[in-house]
Amino acid sequence: MRKRWTEERRLQREQADWIVGFLRENGPTTTREIIDAMKRQEIPVQAHIISRALRKSPFVVCVEKIEIDGQQQSVWAFHVDEE
């Protein structure tokens, strides 16, 4: 019987959690700044993990789009709905 969480999936989940935690502490930041921070922490940069963390997390929102060096960048922030 196969384990529910393979080692690869567990590592991907940890990386996605790190991205959300980074935004909580340092946001709002651009996608480029998130990638730079991952490289500084020696975390593998994988586009599908970054995309999943930014788009699927209920705590991460895109607050604006800006242009840097002719490229459009999204600015992401950690956000909790306060009711």
N, C-alpha and C. Protein backbone atom coordinates (compact mmCIF):
# COMPACT_ATOMS: atom_id res chain seq x y z
N MET A 1 0.84 -1.18 0.00
CA MET A 1 0.00 0.00 0.00
C MET A 1 0.88 1.25 0.00
N ARG A 2 0.52 2.22 -0.78
CA ARG A 2 1.31 3.43 -0.93
C ARG A 2 1.03 4.39 0.22
N LYS A 3 2.10 5.05 0.68
CA LYS A 3 1.94 6.07 1.70
C LYS A 3 1.14 7.24 1.14
N ARG A 4 0.41 7.91 2.00
CA ARG A 4 -0.38 9.06 1.56
C ARG A 4 0.53 10.21 1.13
N TRP A 5 1.58 10.47 1.90
CA TRP A 5 2.50 11.56 1.60
C TRP A 5 3.85 10.98 1.25
N THR A 6 4.24 11.11 0.00
CA THR A 6 5.59 10.70 -0.38
C THR A 6 6.57 11.75 0.13
N GLU A 7 7.83 11.41 0.13
CA GLU A 7 8.85 12.35 0.59
C GLU A 7 8.85 13.61 -0.29
N GLU A 8 8.68 13.42 -1.60
CA GLU A 8 8.66 14.57 -2.51
C GLU A 8 7.47 15.49 -2.22
N ARG A 9 6.30 14.93 -2.00
CA ARG A 9 5.13 15.76 -1.69
C ARG A 9 5.30 16.48 -0.36
N ARG A 10 5.90 15.81 0.62
CA ARG A 10 6.13 16.43 1.92
C ARG A 10 7.07 17.62 1.77
N LEU A 11 8.14 17.48 0.97
CA LEU A 11 9.08 18.58 0.75
C LEU A 11 8.42 19.73 0.00
N GLN A 12 7.58 19.41 -0.98
CA GLN A 12 6.87 20.46 -1.71
C GLN A 12 5.94 21.22 -0.79
N ARG A 13 5.27 20.52 0.12
CA ARG A 13 4.37 21.17 1.08
C ARG A 13 5.15 22.09 2.02
N GLU A 14 6.32 21.64 2.47
CA GLU A 14 7.16 22.47 3.33
C GLU A 14 7.60 23.73 2.59
N GLN A 15 7.96 23.60 1.31
CA GLN A 15 8.37 24.76 0.53
C GLN A 15 7.22 25.75 0.35
N ALA A 16 6.02 25.23 0.08
CA ALA A 16 4.85 26.10 -0.06
C ALA A 16 4.54 26.80 1.26
N ASP A 17 4.65 26.08 2.37
CA ASP A 17 4.43 26.68 3.68
C ASP A 17 5.47 27.76 3.97
N TRP A 18 6.72 27.53 3.53
CA TRP A 18 7.77 28.53 3.72
C TRP A 18 7.42 29.81 2.98
N ILE A 19 6.92 29.68 1.75
CA ILE A 19 6.55 30.85 0.94
C ILE A 19 5.46 31.66 1.64
N VAL A 20 4.43 30.98 2.14
CA VAL A 20 3.34 31.68 2.84
C VAL A 20 3.88 32.35 4.11
N GLY A 21 4.74 31.67 4.83
CA GLY A 21 5.35 32.25 6.04
C GLY A 21 6.22 33.45 5.72
N PHE A 22 6.96 33.37 4.61
CA PHE A 22 7.79 34.49 4.17
C PHE A 22 6.92 35.71 3.90
N LEU A 23 5.80 35.51 3.22
CA LEU A 23 4.89 36.63 2.94
C LEU A 23 4.30 37.19 4.22
N ARG A 24 4.03 36.34 5.17
CA ARG A 24 3.47 36.80 6.44
C ARG A 24 4.44 37.72 7.15
N GLU A 25 5.72 37.40 7.10
CA GLU A 25 6.74 38.18 7.79
C GLU A 25 7.25 39.37 6.98
N ASN A 26 7.32 39.21 5.65
CA ASN A 26 8.00 40.20 4.81
C ASN A 26 7.13 40.86 3.75
N GLY A 27 5.88 40.47 3.65
CA GLY A 27 5.03 40.95 2.56
C GLY A 27 4.57 42.37 2.77
N PRO A 28 4.02 42.99 1.79
CA PRO A 28 3.87 42.47 0.43
C PRO A 28 5.18 42.50 -0.35
N THR A 29 5.37 41.48 -1.19
CA THR A 29 6.57 41.37 -2.01
C THR A 29 6.20 40.87 -3.40
N THR A 30 7.12 41.09 -4.33
CA THR A 30 6.91 40.61 -5.70
C THR A 30 7.33 39.15 -5.81
N THR A 31 6.91 38.53 -6.89
CA THR A 31 7.31 37.16 -7.16
C THR A 31 8.83 37.07 -7.24
N ARG A 32 9.45 38.06 -7.87
CA ARG A 32 10.91 38.08 -8.01
C ARG A 32 11.60 38.11 -6.63
N GLU A 33 11.06 38.89 -5.70
CA GLU A 33 11.65 38.96 -4.35
C GLU A 33 11.48 37.64 -3.60
N ILE A 34 10.38 36.96 -3.83
CA ILE A 34 10.17 35.64 -3.20
C ILE A 34 11.21 34.66 -3.72
N ILE A 35 11.44 34.67 -5.03
CA ILE A 35 12.43 33.77 -5.63
C ILE A 35 13.83 34.08 -5.10
N ASP A 36 14.19 35.36 -5.00
CA ASP A 36 15.49 35.74 -4.46
C ASP A 36 15.65 35.26 -3.02
N ALA A 37 14.60 35.38 -2.21
CA ALA A 37 14.66 34.92 -0.82
C ALA A 37 14.82 33.40 -0.76
N MET A 38 14.14 32.69 -1.64
CA MET A 38 14.29 31.23 -1.68
C MET A 38 15.72 30.83 -2.02
N LYS A 39 16.32 31.54 -2.97
CA LYS A 39 17.70 31.24 -3.35
C LYS A 39 18.65 31.51 -2.19
N ARG A 40 18.42 32.61 -1.46
CA ARG A 40 19.27 32.93 -0.29
C ARG A 40 19.17 31.85 0.78
N GLN A 41 17.99 31.25 0.93
CA GLN A 41 17.78 30.19 1.92
C GLN A 41 18.11 28.80 1.38
N GLU A 42 18.58 28.77 0.11
CA GLU A 42 18.93 27.52 -0.57
C GLU A 42 17.75 26.57 -0.67
N ILE A 43 16.58 27.13 -0.92
CA ILE A 43 15.37 26.35 -1.15
C ILE A 43 15.23 26.20 -2.66
N PRO A 44 15.02 24.98 -3.15
CA PRO A 44 14.87 24.80 -4.60
C PRO A 44 13.73 25.65 -5.15
N VAL A 45 13.99 26.35 -6.24
CA VAL A 45 12.99 27.20 -6.86
C VAL A 45 12.31 26.39 -7.96
N GLN A 46 11.04 26.08 -7.73
CA GLN A 46 10.25 25.33 -8.70
C GLN A 46 8.97 26.10 -8.96
N ALA A 47 8.76 26.44 -10.22
CA ALA A 47 7.63 27.30 -10.60
C ALA A 47 6.29 26.75 -10.14
N HIS A 48 6.08 25.44 -10.27
CA HIS A 48 4.78 24.89 -9.90
C HIS A 48 4.50 24.98 -8.41
N ILE A 49 5.54 24.91 -7.60
CA ILE A 49 5.35 25.03 -6.14
C ILE A 49 5.06 26.48 -5.78
N ILE A 50 5.78 27.41 -6.37
CA ILE A 50 5.53 28.83 -6.11
C ILE A 50 4.12 29.20 -6.53
N SER A 51 3.74 28.77 -7.72
CA SER A 51 2.40 29.06 -8.23
C SER A 51 1.32 28.49 -7.31
N ARG A 52 1.49 27.25 -6.90
CA ARG A 52 0.51 26.61 -6.03
C ARG A 52 0.41 27.35 -4.69
N ALA A 53 1.56 27.72 -4.12
CA ALA A 53 1.54 28.41 -2.83
C ALA A 53 0.84 29.77 -2.94
N LEU A 54 1.10 30.49 -4.01
CA LEU A 54 0.53 31.83 -4.16
C LEU A 54 -0.93 31.81 -4.56
N ARG A 55 -1.34 30.87 -5.36
CA ARG A 55 -2.71 30.87 -5.88
C ARG A 55 -3.68 30.03 -5.06
N LYS A 56 -3.20 29.01 -4.39
CA LYS A 56 -4.10 28.11 -3.66
C LYS A 56 -4.26 28.45 -2.18
N SER A 57 -3.31 29.17 -1.61
CA SER A 57 -3.41 29.49 -0.19
C SER A 57 -4.54 30.48 0.06
N PRO A 58 -5.39 30.21 1.06
CA PRO A 58 -6.45 31.15 1.39
C PRO A 58 -5.93 32.43 2.06
N PHE A 59 -4.65 32.44 2.41
CA PHE A 59 -4.07 33.58 3.12
C PHE A 59 -3.22 34.49 2.25
N VAL A 60 -3.07 34.17 0.97
CA VAL A 60 -2.24 34.95 0.07
C VAL A 60 -3.12 35.59 -1.00
N VAL A 61 -2.92 36.89 -1.19
CA VAL A 61 -3.67 37.62 -2.21
C VAL A 61 -2.72 38.44 -3.07
N CYS A 62 -3.09 38.61 -4.33
CA CYS A 62 -2.35 39.48 -5.23
C CYS A 62 -2.91 40.88 -5.03
N VAL A 63 -2.07 41.80 -4.54
CA VAL A 63 -2.57 43.14 -4.22
C VAL A 63 -2.43 44.12 -5.38
N GLU A 64 -1.47 43.86 -6.28
CA GLU A 64 -1.33 44.72 -7.45
C GLU A 64 -0.37 44.09 -8.44
N LYS A 65 -0.33 44.67 -9.63
CA LYS A 65 0.63 44.26 -10.66
C LYS A 65 1.44 45.49 -11.01
N ILE A 66 2.77 45.32 -11.00
CA ILE A 66 3.65 46.43 -11.32
C ILE A 66 4.58 46.00 -12.46
N GLU A 67 5.25 46.98 -13.07
CA GLU A 67 6.19 46.67 -14.14
C GLU A 67 7.60 46.99 -13.66
N ILE A 68 8.49 45.99 -13.76
CA ILE A 68 9.88 46.15 -13.38
C ILE A 68 10.73 45.69 -14.56
N ASP A 69 11.62 46.54 -15.03
CA ASP A 69 12.50 46.22 -16.16
C ASP A 69 11.70 45.69 -17.35
N GLY A 70 10.55 46.27 -17.61
CA GLY A 70 9.74 45.88 -18.75
C GLY A 70 8.94 44.60 -18.57
N GLN A 71 9.01 44.00 -17.37
CA GLN A 71 8.26 42.77 -17.11
C GLN A 71 7.21 43.03 -16.05
N GLN A 72 6.03 42.46 -16.26
CA GLN A 72 4.96 42.61 -15.28
C GLN A 72 5.21 41.67 -14.11
N GLN A 73 5.13 42.21 -12.91
CA GLN A 73 5.33 41.43 -11.68
C GLN A 73 4.10 41.56 -10.80
N SER A 74 3.71 40.46 -10.19
CA SER A 74 2.61 40.49 -9.23
C SER A 74 3.18 40.80 -7.85
N VAL A 75 2.44 41.57 -7.08
CA VAL A 75 2.81 41.86 -5.70
C VAL A 75 1.86 41.06 -4.82
N TRP A 76 2.43 40.20 -3.96
CA TRP A 76 1.66 39.28 -3.13
C TRP A 76 1.74 39.71 -1.68
N ALA A 77 0.65 39.46 -0.93
CA ALA A 77 0.62 39.81 0.49
C ALA A 77 -0.11 38.72 1.26
N PHE A 78 0.24 38.59 2.52
CA PHE A 78 -0.47 37.70 3.43
C PHE A 78 -1.67 38.46 3.95
N HIS A 79 -2.83 37.84 3.91
CA HIS A 79 -4.05 38.54 4.31
C HIS A 79 -5.00 37.56 4.99
N VAL A 80 -5.53 37.98 6.13
CA VAL A 80 -6.53 37.18 6.84
C VAL A 80 -7.80 38.01 6.92
N ASP A 81 -8.91 37.42 6.49
CA ASP A 81 -10.19 38.11 6.60
C ASP A 81 -10.56 38.26 8.06
N GLU A 82 -10.81 39.49 8.48
CA GLU A 82 -11.22 39.73 9.86
C GLU A 82 -12.70 40.03 9.86
N GLU A 83 -13.46 39.15 10.48
CA GLU A 83 -14.91 39.32 10.49
C GLU A 83 -15.40 39.76 11.83
